[in-house]
Amino acid sequence: MRFLRDTGTSVRDYDRIFTGDLGLVGSEILYDLMRREGVELSDRHSDCGLLIFDREEQDVHAGGSGCGCCASVLCSKILGELGSGALHNILFVATGALLSTTTAQQGKTIPAIAHLLQLCA
């Protein structure tokens, strides 16, 4: 939301908005948070973790590594689609958790981070 507000753009200005590995649950939470702001994202959003994993065939629970899923999908799919002209303007939000064994052992919440890149062909 902050990026959209700062740039005066809307989700309709982008072919796709990719996230790292929010998985199914995280993606639904993202959609709910965006709807509260009056933004429908679900038809423009793709989650890299959901693109990689087969939830019916693999026991992935909440998914994998956000940074690993981002890098894999960016290099294997997104850059090729930008190069071929299938995609022209995307937002790539590398979502991830800042995991620490100390924080986890203390039972504290896990902070998250998201770096956003706009990629244009």
C-alpha atoms as a PDB file:
ATOM      1  CA  MET A   1       0.000   0.000   0.000  1.00  0.00           C
ATOM      2  CA  ARG A   2       2.800   2.393   0.854  1.00  0.00           C
ATOM      3  CA  PHE A   3       4.398   1.923  -2.591  1.00  0.00           C
ATOM      4  CA  LEU A   4       1.087   2.391  -4.386  1.00  0.00           C
ATOM      5  CA  ARG A   5       0.342   5.547  -2.415  1.00  0.00           C
ATOM      6  CA  ASP A   6       3.853   6.963  -2.854  1.00  0.00           C
ATOM      7  CA  THR A   7       3.851   6.369  -6.615  1.00  0.00           C
ATOM      8  CA  GLY A   8       0.211   7.244  -7.265  1.00  0.00           C
ATOM      9  CA  THR A   9      -0.319   3.879  -8.949  1.00  0.00           C
ATOM     10  CA  SER A  10      -2.833   1.086  -8.529  1.00  0.00           C
ATOM     11  CA  VAL A  11      -2.571  -2.688  -8.841  1.00  0.00           C
ATOM     12  CA  ARG A  12      -4.096  -2.326 -12.338  1.00  0.00           C
ATOM     13  CA  ASP A  13      -0.905  -0.574 -13.474  1.00  0.00           C
ATOM     14  CA  TYR A  14       1.028  -3.848 -13.103  1.00  0.00           C
ATOM     15  CA  ASP A  15       0.775  -7.095 -15.038  1.00  0.00           C
ATOM     16  CA  ARG A  16       1.546  -9.154 -11.907  1.00  0.00           C
ATOM     17  CA  ILE A  17       2.544  -8.594  -8.308  1.00  0.00           C
ATOM     18  CA  PHE A  18       4.769 -11.389  -7.045  1.00  0.00           C
ATOM     19  CA  THR A  19       5.522 -12.202  -3.406  1.00  0.00           C
ATOM     20  CA  GLY A  20       8.154 -14.551  -1.983  1.00  0.00           C
ATOM     21  CA  ASP A  21       6.494 -17.363  -0.110  1.00  0.00           C
ATOM     22  CA  LEU A  22       3.429 -16.197   1.730  1.00  0.00           C
ATOM     23  CA  GLY A  23       1.817 -19.503   0.848  1.00  0.00           C
ATOM     24  CA  LEU A  24      -1.925 -19.970   0.782  1.00  0.00           C
ATOM     25  CA  VAL A  25      -2.588 -18.672   4.291  1.00  0.00           C
ATOM     26  CA  GLY A  26      -0.317 -15.645   3.953  1.00  0.00           C
ATOM     27  CA  SER A  27      -1.749 -14.780   0.551  1.00  0.00           C
ATOM     28  CA  GLU A  28      -5.282 -14.822   1.960  1.00  0.00           C
ATOM     29  CA  ILE A  29      -4.153 -12.555   4.813  1.00  0.00           C
ATOM     30  CA  LEU A  30      -2.564 -10.192   2.272  1.00  0.00           C
ATOM     31  CA  TYR A  31      -5.808 -10.092   0.253  1.00  0.00           C
ATOM     32  CA  ASP A  32      -7.809  -9.353   3.404  1.00  0.00           C
ATOM     33  CA  LEU A  33      -5.458  -6.542   4.464  1.00  0.00           C
ATOM     34  CA  MET A  34      -5.555  -5.003   0.988  1.00  0.00           C
ATOM     35  CA  ARG A  35      -9.369  -5.256   0.800  1.00  0.00           C
ATOM     36  CA  ARG A  36      -9.542  -3.295   4.056  1.00  0.00           C
ATOM     37  CA  GLU A  37      -7.756  -0.528   2.139  1.00  0.00           C
ATOM     38  CA  GLY A  38     -10.208  -0.833  -0.752  1.00  0.00           C
ATOM     39  CA  VAL A  39      -7.780  -2.692  -3.029  1.00  0.00           C
ATOM     40  CA  GLU A  40      -8.550  -6.013  -4.740  1.00  0.00           C
ATOM     41  CA  LEU A  41      -5.239  -7.762  -5.338  1.00  0.00           C
ATOM     42  CA  SER A  42      -6.124 -11.424  -5.806  1.00  0.00           C
ATOM     43  CA  ASP A  43      -6.471 -11.305  -9.609  1.00  0.00           C
ATOM     44  CA  ARG A  44      -3.008  -9.681 -10.050  1.00  0.00           C
ATOM     45  CA  HIS A  45      -1.053 -11.543  -7.368  1.00  0.00           C
ATOM     46  CA  SER A  46       1.163 -14.613  -7.686  1.00  0.00           C
ATOM     47  CA  ASP A  47       3.079 -16.083  -4.773  1.00  0.00           C
ATOM     48  CA  CYS A  48       6.428 -17.644  -5.707  1.00  0.00           C
ATOM     49  CA  GLY A  49       6.061 -20.386  -3.088  1.00  0.00           C
ATOM     50  CA  LEU A  50       2.660 -21.368  -4.455  1.00  0.00           C
ATOM     51  CA  LEU A  51       4.128 -21.404  -7.975  1.00  0.00           C
ATOM     52  CA  ILE A  52       6.919 -23.795  -6.949  1.00  0.00           C
ATOM     53  CA  PHE A  53       5.207 -26.231  -4.616  1.00  0.00           C
ATOM     54  CA  ASP A  54       2.414 -28.675  -5.365  1.00  0.00           C
ATOM     55  CA  ARG A  55       0.346 -28.528  -2.187  1.00  0.00           C
ATOM     56  CA  GLU A  56      -1.556 -31.702  -3.103  1.00  0.00           C
ATOM     57  CA  GLU A  57       1.525 -33.827  -3.809  1.00  0.00           C
ATOM     58  CA  GLN A  58       4.081 -32.288  -1.411  1.00  0.00           C
ATOM     59  CA  ASP A  59       3.891 -32.023   2.367  1.00  0.00           C
ATOM     60  CA  VAL A  60       5.022 -28.395   2.485  1.00  0.00           C
ATOM     61  CA  HIS A  61       2.714 -27.113   5.247  1.00  0.00           C
ATOM     62  CA  ALA A  62       3.426 -23.363   5.204  1.00  0.00           C
ATOM     63  CA  GLY A  63       5.839 -23.485   2.265  1.00  0.00           C
ATOM     64  CA  GLY A  64       9.539 -22.893   1.967  1.00  0.00           C
ATOM     65  CA  SER A  65      12.042 -20.084   2.118  1.00  0.00           C
ATOM     66  CA  GLY A  66      10.748 -16.764   0.828  1.00  0.00           C
ATOM     67  CA  CYS A  67      14.161 -15.713  -0.443  1.00  0.00           C
ATOM     68  CA  GLY A  68      14.757 -19.102  -2.081  1.00  0.00           C
ATOM     69  CA  CYS A  69      11.342 -19.122  -3.742  1.00  0.00           C
ATOM     70  CA  CYS A  70      11.808 -15.532  -4.953  1.00  0.00           C
ATOM     71  CA  ALA A  71      15.198 -16.211  -6.484  1.00  0.00           C
ATOM     72  CA  SER A  72      14.069 -19.442  -8.137  1.00  0.00           C
ATOM     73  CA  VAL A  73      10.940 -18.007  -9.721  1.00  0.00           C
ATOM     74  CA  LEU A  74      12.606 -14.731 -10.701  1.00  0.00           C
ATOM     75  CA  CYS A  75      15.415 -16.505 -12.547  1.00  0.00           C
ATOM     76  CA  SER A  76      13.398 -19.383 -14.019  1.00  0.00           C
ATOM     77  CA  LYS A  77      10.141 -17.672 -14.971  1.00  0.00           C
ATOM     78  CA  ILE A  78       9.777 -13.938 -14.441  1.00  0.00           C
ATOM     79  CA  LEU A  79      12.903 -12.644 -16.196  1.00  0.00           C
ATOM     80  CA  GLY A  80      12.136 -14.833 -19.212  1.00  0.00           C
ATOM     81  CA  GLU A  81       8.580 -13.515 -19.377  1.00  0.00           C
ATOM     82  CA  LEU A  82       9.821  -9.933 -19.132  1.00  0.00           C
ATOM     83  CA  GLY A  83      12.344 -10.635 -21.893  1.00  0.00           C
ATOM     84  CA  SER A  84       9.786 -12.265 -24.185  1.00  0.00           C
ATOM     85  CA  GLY A  85       7.237  -9.482 -23.701  1.00  0.00           C
ATOM     86  CA  ALA A  86       4.710 -11.702 -21.893  1.00  0.00           C
ATOM     87  CA  LEU A  87       5.112  -9.359 -18.917  1.00  0.00           C
ATOM     88  CA  HIS A  88       5.859  -5.644 -19.177  1.00  0.00           C
ATOM     89  CA  ASN A  89       5.584  -4.126 -15.713  1.00  0.00           C
ATOM     90  CA  ILE A  90       5.610  -6.068 -12.458  1.00  0.00           C
ATOM     91  CA  LEU A  91       6.107  -5.579  -8.764  1.00  0.00           C
ATOM     92  CA  PHE A  92       8.370  -8.138  -7.150  1.00  0.00           C
ATOM     93  CA  VAL A  93       8.053  -8.180  -3.359  1.00  0.00           C
ATOM     94  CA  ALA A  94      10.721 -10.398  -1.843  1.00  0.00           C
ATOM     95  CA  THR A  95       8.968 -11.337   1.377  1.00  0.00           C
ATOM     96  CA  GLY A  96      10.751 -13.170   4.131  1.00  0.00           C
ATOM     97  CA  ALA A  97      10.985 -13.841   7.840  1.00  0.00           C
ATOM     98  CA  LEU A  98      13.947 -12.678   9.906  1.00  0.00           C
ATOM     99  CA  LEU A  99      14.375 -15.964  11.720  1.00  0.00           C
ATOM    100  CA  SER A 100      16.630 -16.271  14.717  1.00  0.00           C
ATOM    101  CA  THR A 101      17.046 -19.323  16.926  1.00  0.00           C
ATOM    102  CA  THR A 102      17.214 -16.998  19.929  1.00  0.00           C
ATOM    103  CA  THR A 103      13.922 -15.277  19.089  1.00  0.00           C
ATOM    104  CA  ALA A 104      12.210 -18.592  18.391  1.00  0.00           C
ATOM    105  CA  GLN A 105      13.440 -20.087  21.668  1.00  0.00           C
ATOM    106  CA  GLN A 106      12.166 -17.050  23.557  1.00  0.00           C
ATOM    107  CA  GLY A 107       8.712 -17.552  22.083  1.00  0.00           C
ATOM    108  CA  LYS A 108       8.653 -14.075  20.557  1.00  0.00           C
ATOM    109  CA  THR A 109       7.027 -13.059  17.306  1.00  0.00           C
ATOM    110  CA  ILE A 110       9.063 -13.400  14.136  1.00  0.00           C
ATOM    111  CA  PRO A 111       9.724 -10.091  12.382  1.00  0.00           C
ATOM    112  CA  ALA A 112       9.266  -9.961   8.642  1.00  0.00           C
ATOM    113  CA  ILE A 113      10.770  -7.955   5.824  1.00  0.00           C
ATOM    114  CA  ALA A 114       9.762  -7.214   2.254  1.00  0.00           C
ATOM    115  CA  HIS A 115      11.910  -5.517  -0.363  1.00  0.00           C
ATOM    116  CA  LEU A 116       9.914  -4.284  -3.338  1.00  0.00           C
ATOM    117  CA  LEU A 117      11.319  -3.969  -6.853  1.00  0.00           C
ATOM    118  CA  GLN A 118       9.499  -2.661  -9.883  1.00  0.00           C
ATOM    119  CA  LEU A 119      10.709  -4.491 -12.991  1.00  0.00           C
ATOM    120  CA  CYS A 120       9.812  -3.219 -16.454  1.00  0.00           C
ATOM    121  CA  ALA A 121      10.512  -4.650 -19.878  1.00  0.00           C
END
